[in-house]
N, C-alpha and C. Protein backbone atom coordinates (compact mmCIF):
# COMPACT_ATOMS: atom_id res chain seq x y z
N MET A 1 70.68 -7.90 -39.71
CA MET A 1 70.95 -8.43 -38.39
C MET A 1 70.26 -9.79 -38.25
N LYS A 2 70.93 -10.70 -37.61
CA LYS A 2 70.43 -12.05 -37.41
C LYS A 2 69.71 -12.15 -36.06
N TYR A 3 68.55 -12.81 -36.07
CA TYR A 3 67.80 -13.05 -34.85
C TYR A 3 67.59 -14.54 -34.67
N ASN A 4 67.96 -15.05 -33.52
CA ASN A 4 67.75 -16.47 -33.19
C ASN A 4 66.50 -16.60 -32.34
N ILE A 5 65.58 -17.42 -32.81
CA ILE A 5 64.31 -17.62 -32.12
C ILE A 5 64.22 -19.06 -31.64
N ALA A 6 63.97 -19.23 -30.36
CA ALA A 6 63.73 -20.56 -29.80
C ALA A 6 62.23 -20.81 -29.86
N TRP A 7 61.85 -21.87 -30.55
CA TRP A 7 60.43 -22.23 -30.68
C TRP A 7 60.20 -23.47 -29.83
N VAL A 8 59.38 -23.36 -28.81
CA VAL A 8 59.17 -24.46 -27.87
C VAL A 8 57.82 -25.11 -28.16
N HIS A 9 57.88 -26.32 -28.72
CA HIS A 9 56.66 -27.08 -29.01
C HIS A 9 56.01 -27.51 -27.70
N GLY A 10 54.68 -27.46 -27.67
CA GLY A 10 53.93 -27.83 -26.48
C GLY A 10 52.89 -28.88 -26.76
N ASP A 11 51.69 -28.66 -26.25
CA ASP A 11 50.61 -29.64 -26.34
C ASP A 11 49.33 -28.98 -26.88
N GLY A 12 48.32 -29.79 -27.04
CA GLY A 12 47.00 -29.28 -27.42
C GLY A 12 46.98 -28.57 -28.76
N ILE A 13 46.50 -27.32 -28.76
CA ILE A 13 46.38 -26.58 -30.01
C ILE A 13 47.70 -25.95 -30.45
N GLY A 14 48.75 -26.16 -29.68
CA GLY A 14 50.05 -25.57 -30.00
C GLY A 14 50.50 -25.78 -31.43
N PRO A 15 50.58 -27.03 -31.90
CA PRO A 15 51.03 -27.25 -33.28
C PRO A 15 50.13 -26.59 -34.32
N GLU A 16 48.85 -26.55 -34.03
CA GLU A 16 47.89 -25.96 -34.97
C GLU A 16 48.11 -24.45 -35.12
N ILE A 17 48.25 -23.75 -34.00
CA ILE A 17 48.43 -22.30 -34.08
C ILE A 17 49.84 -21.94 -34.52
N SER A 18 50.78 -22.84 -34.31
CA SER A 18 52.16 -22.58 -34.71
C SER A 18 52.31 -22.50 -36.22
N LYS A 19 51.52 -23.27 -36.95
CA LYS A 19 51.60 -23.23 -38.41
C LYS A 19 51.34 -21.82 -38.91
N ALA A 20 50.34 -21.16 -38.37
CA ALA A 20 50.01 -19.79 -38.78
C ALA A 20 51.12 -18.82 -38.36
N ALA A 21 51.63 -18.97 -37.16
CA ALA A 21 52.69 -18.08 -36.68
C ALA A 21 53.97 -18.25 -37.50
N LEU A 22 54.29 -19.48 -37.86
CA LEU A 22 55.49 -19.71 -38.68
C LEU A 22 55.33 -19.12 -40.07
N LYS A 23 54.11 -19.10 -40.60
CA LYS A 23 53.87 -18.45 -41.89
C LYS A 23 54.15 -16.95 -41.80
N ILE A 24 53.79 -16.36 -40.66
CA ILE A 24 54.07 -14.94 -40.45
C ILE A 24 55.57 -14.69 -40.44
N LEU A 25 56.32 -15.55 -39.76
CA LEU A 25 57.78 -15.41 -39.75
C LEU A 25 58.35 -15.55 -41.16
N ASP A 26 57.83 -16.49 -41.93
CA ASP A 26 58.28 -16.65 -43.32
C ASP A 26 58.02 -15.39 -44.14
N THR A 27 56.87 -14.78 -43.93
CA THR A 27 56.53 -13.54 -44.64
C THR A 27 57.48 -12.42 -44.23
N LEU A 28 57.79 -12.33 -42.95
CA LEU A 28 58.73 -11.31 -42.48
C LEU A 28 60.11 -11.52 -43.10
N ARG A 29 60.52 -12.76 -43.21
CA ARG A 29 61.81 -13.06 -43.85
C ARG A 29 61.83 -12.54 -45.28
N GLU A 30 60.76 -12.82 -46.00
CA GLU A 30 60.69 -12.44 -47.41
C GLU A 30 60.50 -10.95 -47.62
N LYS A 31 59.50 -10.38 -46.97
CA LYS A 31 59.11 -8.99 -47.22
C LYS A 31 60.05 -7.98 -46.58
N ARG A 32 60.61 -8.32 -45.45
CA ARG A 32 61.48 -7.38 -44.72
C ARG A 32 62.94 -7.80 -44.73
N ALA A 33 63.23 -8.87 -45.42
CA ALA A 33 64.60 -9.38 -45.52
C ALA A 33 65.24 -9.56 -44.14
N LEU A 34 64.47 -10.10 -43.22
CA LEU A 34 64.99 -10.35 -41.87
C LEU A 34 65.66 -11.72 -41.84
N ASP A 35 66.77 -11.78 -41.14
CA ASP A 35 67.48 -13.05 -40.97
C ASP A 35 66.99 -13.69 -39.67
N LEU A 36 65.89 -14.42 -39.78
CA LEU A 36 65.29 -15.09 -38.62
C LEU A 36 65.65 -16.56 -38.66
N ARG A 37 66.31 -17.02 -37.62
CA ARG A 37 66.70 -18.43 -37.54
C ARG A 37 65.96 -19.07 -36.37
N VAL A 38 65.13 -20.04 -36.71
CA VAL A 38 64.28 -20.68 -35.71
C VAL A 38 64.84 -22.05 -35.35
N SER A 39 65.03 -22.26 -34.06
CA SER A 39 65.44 -23.57 -33.54
C SER A 39 64.28 -24.13 -32.73
N PHE A 40 63.99 -25.40 -32.90
CA PHE A 40 62.83 -26.01 -32.26
C PHE A 40 63.23 -26.85 -31.05
N TYR A 41 62.42 -26.72 -29.99
CA TYR A 41 62.64 -27.43 -28.74
C TYR A 41 61.31 -28.01 -28.27
N HIS A 42 61.34 -28.72 -27.15
CA HIS A 42 60.14 -29.38 -26.65
C HIS A 42 59.91 -29.07 -25.17
N ALA A 43 58.63 -29.05 -24.78
CA ALA A 43 58.23 -28.90 -23.38
C ALA A 43 56.80 -29.40 -23.24
N GLY A 44 56.41 -29.71 -22.02
CA GLY A 44 55.02 -30.07 -21.76
C GLY A 44 54.79 -31.56 -21.58
N ASP A 45 53.53 -31.94 -21.70
CA ASP A 45 53.11 -33.32 -21.43
C ASP A 45 53.71 -34.32 -22.42
N HIS A 46 53.63 -34.00 -23.70
CA HIS A 46 54.19 -34.91 -24.70
C HIS A 46 55.70 -35.07 -24.49
N CYS A 47 56.36 -33.98 -24.17
CA CYS A 47 57.80 -34.01 -23.89
C CYS A 47 58.08 -34.90 -22.68
N LYS A 48 57.25 -34.77 -21.65
CA LYS A 48 57.44 -35.57 -20.44
C LYS A 48 57.28 -37.06 -20.74
N SER A 49 56.29 -37.41 -21.56
CA SER A 49 56.09 -38.82 -21.88
C SER A 49 57.19 -39.36 -22.80
N SER A 50 57.77 -38.48 -23.62
CA SER A 50 58.83 -38.91 -24.55
C SER A 50 60.22 -38.92 -23.92
N PHE A 51 60.50 -37.88 -23.10
CA PHE A 51 61.86 -37.70 -22.58
C PHE A 51 61.98 -37.83 -21.07
N GLY A 52 60.84 -37.98 -20.37
CA GLY A 52 60.88 -38.16 -18.93
C GLY A 52 60.80 -36.90 -18.10
N VAL A 53 60.92 -35.73 -18.75
CA VAL A 53 60.83 -34.45 -18.04
C VAL A 53 60.01 -33.48 -18.89
N PRO A 54 59.25 -32.58 -18.24
CA PRO A 54 58.45 -31.63 -19.01
C PRO A 54 59.25 -30.46 -19.58
N LEU A 55 60.44 -30.22 -19.04
CA LEU A 55 61.26 -29.12 -19.52
C LEU A 55 62.73 -29.56 -19.53
N PRO A 56 63.19 -30.12 -20.64
CA PRO A 56 64.56 -30.64 -20.71
C PRO A 56 65.62 -29.53 -20.66
N ASP A 57 66.81 -29.90 -20.25
CA ASP A 57 67.92 -28.95 -20.20
C ASP A 57 68.21 -28.36 -21.57
N ALA A 58 68.06 -29.16 -22.64
CA ALA A 58 68.31 -28.65 -23.99
C ALA A 58 67.37 -27.50 -24.33
N THR A 59 66.13 -27.60 -23.88
CA THR A 59 65.16 -26.52 -24.11
C THR A 59 65.56 -25.28 -23.34
N ILE A 60 65.94 -25.45 -22.10
CA ILE A 60 66.36 -24.32 -21.27
C ILE A 60 67.58 -23.63 -21.89
N ASP A 61 68.56 -24.41 -22.31
CA ASP A 61 69.76 -23.85 -22.93
C ASP A 61 69.41 -23.09 -24.21
N GLY A 62 68.52 -23.66 -25.02
CA GLY A 62 68.10 -23.00 -26.26
C GLY A 62 67.41 -21.67 -26.00
N ILE A 63 66.56 -21.64 -24.98
CA ILE A 63 65.87 -20.40 -24.62
C ILE A 63 66.87 -19.35 -24.14
N ARG A 64 67.81 -19.76 -23.33
CA ARG A 64 68.81 -18.81 -22.81
C ARG A 64 69.67 -18.21 -23.92
N GLN A 65 69.94 -18.99 -24.96
CA GLN A 65 70.81 -18.52 -26.05
C GLN A 65 70.05 -17.72 -27.11
N ALA A 66 68.73 -17.78 -27.10
CA ALA A 66 67.93 -17.14 -28.14
C ALA A 66 67.74 -15.64 -27.88
N ASP A 67 67.44 -14.94 -28.96
CA ASP A 67 67.08 -13.52 -28.86
C ASP A 67 65.61 -13.37 -28.44
N ALA A 68 64.80 -14.35 -28.81
CA ALA A 68 63.37 -14.35 -28.48
C ALA A 68 62.90 -15.80 -28.40
N THR A 69 61.81 -16.01 -27.68
CA THR A 69 61.25 -17.36 -27.54
C THR A 69 59.75 -17.32 -27.80
N VAL A 70 59.29 -18.31 -28.55
CA VAL A 70 57.86 -18.53 -28.74
C VAL A 70 57.55 -19.87 -28.08
N LYS A 71 56.65 -19.85 -27.09
CA LYS A 71 56.29 -21.08 -26.39
C LYS A 71 54.84 -21.41 -26.68
N GLU A 72 54.63 -22.60 -27.19
CA GLU A 72 53.27 -23.06 -27.43
C GLU A 72 52.60 -23.40 -26.09
N PRO A 73 51.27 -23.46 -26.07
CA PRO A 73 50.58 -23.88 -24.85
C PRO A 73 51.03 -25.28 -24.42
N VAL A 74 51.07 -25.49 -23.12
CA VAL A 74 51.41 -26.81 -22.58
C VAL A 74 50.22 -27.32 -21.76
N GLY A 75 50.17 -28.62 -21.54
CA GLY A 75 49.02 -29.25 -20.89
C GLY A 75 49.12 -29.29 -19.38
N GLU A 76 48.92 -30.47 -18.82
CA GLU A 76 48.87 -30.67 -17.37
C GLU A 76 50.18 -30.30 -16.67
N SER A 77 51.28 -30.35 -17.38
CA SER A 77 52.58 -30.02 -16.79
C SER A 77 52.89 -28.53 -16.88
N ALA A 78 51.88 -27.71 -17.12
CA ALA A 78 52.08 -26.27 -17.31
C ALA A 78 52.85 -25.63 -16.17
N ALA A 79 52.50 -25.95 -14.93
CA ALA A 79 53.20 -25.34 -13.79
C ALA A 79 54.67 -25.72 -13.79
N ASP A 80 54.96 -26.97 -14.14
CA ASP A 80 56.36 -27.42 -14.18
C ASP A 80 57.16 -26.67 -15.24
N VAL A 81 56.50 -26.26 -16.28
CA VAL A 81 57.18 -25.56 -17.38
C VAL A 81 57.17 -24.05 -17.15
N ILE A 82 55.99 -23.49 -17.03
CA ILE A 82 55.85 -22.03 -16.99
C ILE A 82 56.45 -21.42 -15.73
N VAL A 83 56.12 -21.96 -14.58
CA VAL A 83 56.64 -21.40 -13.33
C VAL A 83 58.16 -21.51 -13.29
N ARG A 84 58.68 -22.63 -13.72
CA ARG A 84 60.13 -22.81 -13.73
C ARG A 84 60.81 -21.80 -14.65
N LEU A 85 60.25 -21.60 -15.84
CA LEU A 85 60.83 -20.62 -16.77
C LEU A 85 60.75 -19.20 -16.20
N ARG A 86 59.62 -18.85 -15.62
CA ARG A 86 59.47 -17.51 -15.05
C ARG A 86 60.50 -17.25 -13.96
N ARG A 87 60.70 -18.21 -13.09
CA ARG A 87 61.67 -18.04 -12.01
C ARG A 87 63.10 -18.02 -12.53
N MET A 88 63.39 -18.93 -13.43
CA MET A 88 64.74 -19.06 -13.96
C MET A 88 65.18 -17.81 -14.74
N LEU A 89 64.23 -17.23 -15.47
CA LEU A 89 64.55 -16.10 -16.33
C LEU A 89 64.15 -14.76 -15.71
N ASP A 90 63.75 -14.78 -14.44
CA ASP A 90 63.37 -13.57 -13.70
C ASP A 90 62.26 -12.80 -14.42
N LEU A 91 61.27 -13.51 -14.88
CA LEU A 91 60.12 -12.90 -15.55
C LEU A 91 59.01 -12.70 -14.53
N TYR A 92 59.15 -11.65 -13.74
CA TYR A 92 58.27 -11.45 -12.60
C TYR A 92 57.02 -10.64 -12.94
N ALA A 93 57.00 -9.98 -14.09
CA ALA A 93 55.86 -9.12 -14.42
C ALA A 93 55.25 -9.51 -15.76
N ASN A 94 53.95 -9.32 -15.84
CA ASN A 94 53.20 -9.57 -17.06
C ASN A 94 52.55 -8.24 -17.43
N ILE A 95 52.95 -7.67 -18.55
CA ILE A 95 52.47 -6.35 -18.95
C ILE A 95 51.37 -6.53 -19.99
N ARG A 96 50.20 -5.96 -19.72
CA ARG A 96 49.04 -6.08 -20.60
C ARG A 96 48.54 -4.70 -21.00
N PRO A 97 48.96 -4.20 -22.15
CA PRO A 97 48.44 -2.90 -22.60
C PRO A 97 47.01 -3.04 -23.13
N ALA A 98 46.22 -2.00 -22.96
CA ALA A 98 44.86 -1.97 -23.49
C ALA A 98 44.62 -0.57 -24.05
N LYS A 99 44.16 -0.51 -25.28
CA LYS A 99 43.92 0.78 -25.91
C LYS A 99 42.69 0.64 -26.79
N ASN A 100 41.85 1.66 -26.80
CA ASN A 100 40.69 1.57 -27.69
C ASN A 100 40.98 2.31 -29.00
N TYR A 101 40.25 1.94 -30.00
CA TYR A 101 40.37 2.58 -31.31
C TYR A 101 39.02 3.18 -31.65
N GLU A 102 39.03 4.40 -32.14
CA GLU A 102 37.79 5.17 -32.31
C GLU A 102 36.72 4.42 -33.09
N LYS A 103 37.10 3.71 -34.12
CA LYS A 103 36.12 3.04 -34.96
C LYS A 103 35.30 2.00 -34.19
N HIS A 104 35.91 1.36 -33.20
CA HIS A 104 35.24 0.28 -32.48
C HIS A 104 35.08 0.58 -30.98
N ALA A 105 35.23 1.82 -30.59
CA ALA A 105 35.27 2.15 -29.16
C ALA A 105 33.88 2.29 -28.55
N TYR A 106 33.75 1.74 -27.34
CA TYR A 106 32.56 1.99 -26.53
C TYR A 106 32.79 3.20 -25.64
N PHE A 107 34.05 3.44 -25.29
CA PHE A 107 34.44 4.58 -24.48
C PHE A 107 35.56 5.31 -25.21
N ASN A 108 35.73 6.58 -24.90
CA ASN A 108 36.78 7.37 -25.55
C ASN A 108 38.03 7.46 -24.69
N ASP A 109 39.15 7.61 -25.35
CA ASP A 109 40.43 7.94 -24.72
C ASP A 109 40.90 6.93 -23.67
N ILE A 110 40.72 5.67 -23.92
CA ILE A 110 41.27 4.66 -23.01
C ILE A 110 42.66 4.29 -23.48
N ASP A 111 43.61 4.45 -22.61
CA ASP A 111 44.99 4.05 -22.87
C ASP A 111 45.52 3.54 -21.53
N LEU A 112 45.52 2.24 -21.35
CA LEU A 112 45.73 1.63 -20.05
C LEU A 112 46.80 0.56 -20.14
N ILE A 113 47.64 0.49 -19.14
CA ILE A 113 48.61 -0.59 -19.05
C ILE A 113 48.44 -1.26 -17.69
N ILE A 114 48.20 -2.56 -17.73
CA ILE A 114 48.05 -3.33 -16.49
C ILE A 114 49.33 -4.13 -16.30
N VAL A 115 49.94 -3.98 -15.14
CA VAL A 115 51.14 -4.75 -14.80
C VAL A 115 50.74 -5.68 -13.67
N ARG A 116 50.89 -6.97 -13.93
CA ARG A 116 50.54 -7.94 -12.89
C ARG A 116 51.70 -8.88 -12.66
N GLU A 117 51.71 -9.45 -11.48
CA GLU A 117 52.76 -10.41 -11.14
C GLU A 117 52.49 -11.73 -11.86
N ASN A 118 53.55 -12.32 -12.36
CA ASN A 118 53.41 -13.62 -13.02
C ASN A 118 53.11 -14.71 -12.05
């Protein structure tokens, strides 16, 4: 099965951490024979200085057409990017699971899911 991934370049440490994440995708392609196709887009401060807007229509279209999206951190224009994407894509909840593992646990039997509004 083919999976289309929209990769949205951002600012700050984004490019640095993306190198490691892209290596993981390459490993998945090789070891699991996954057909992962990554398309790259732009958002954030650098995008705004280059293209005049922090979240171009091409990026929005790419995200809408993708099966999954990886968004790098963005700088000062974060609200223009993140809030707009959350509203546009109806991403109203942020789910944060928390579970302890016996080897490293301070408490026993914690299995918690926190649901918060974006």
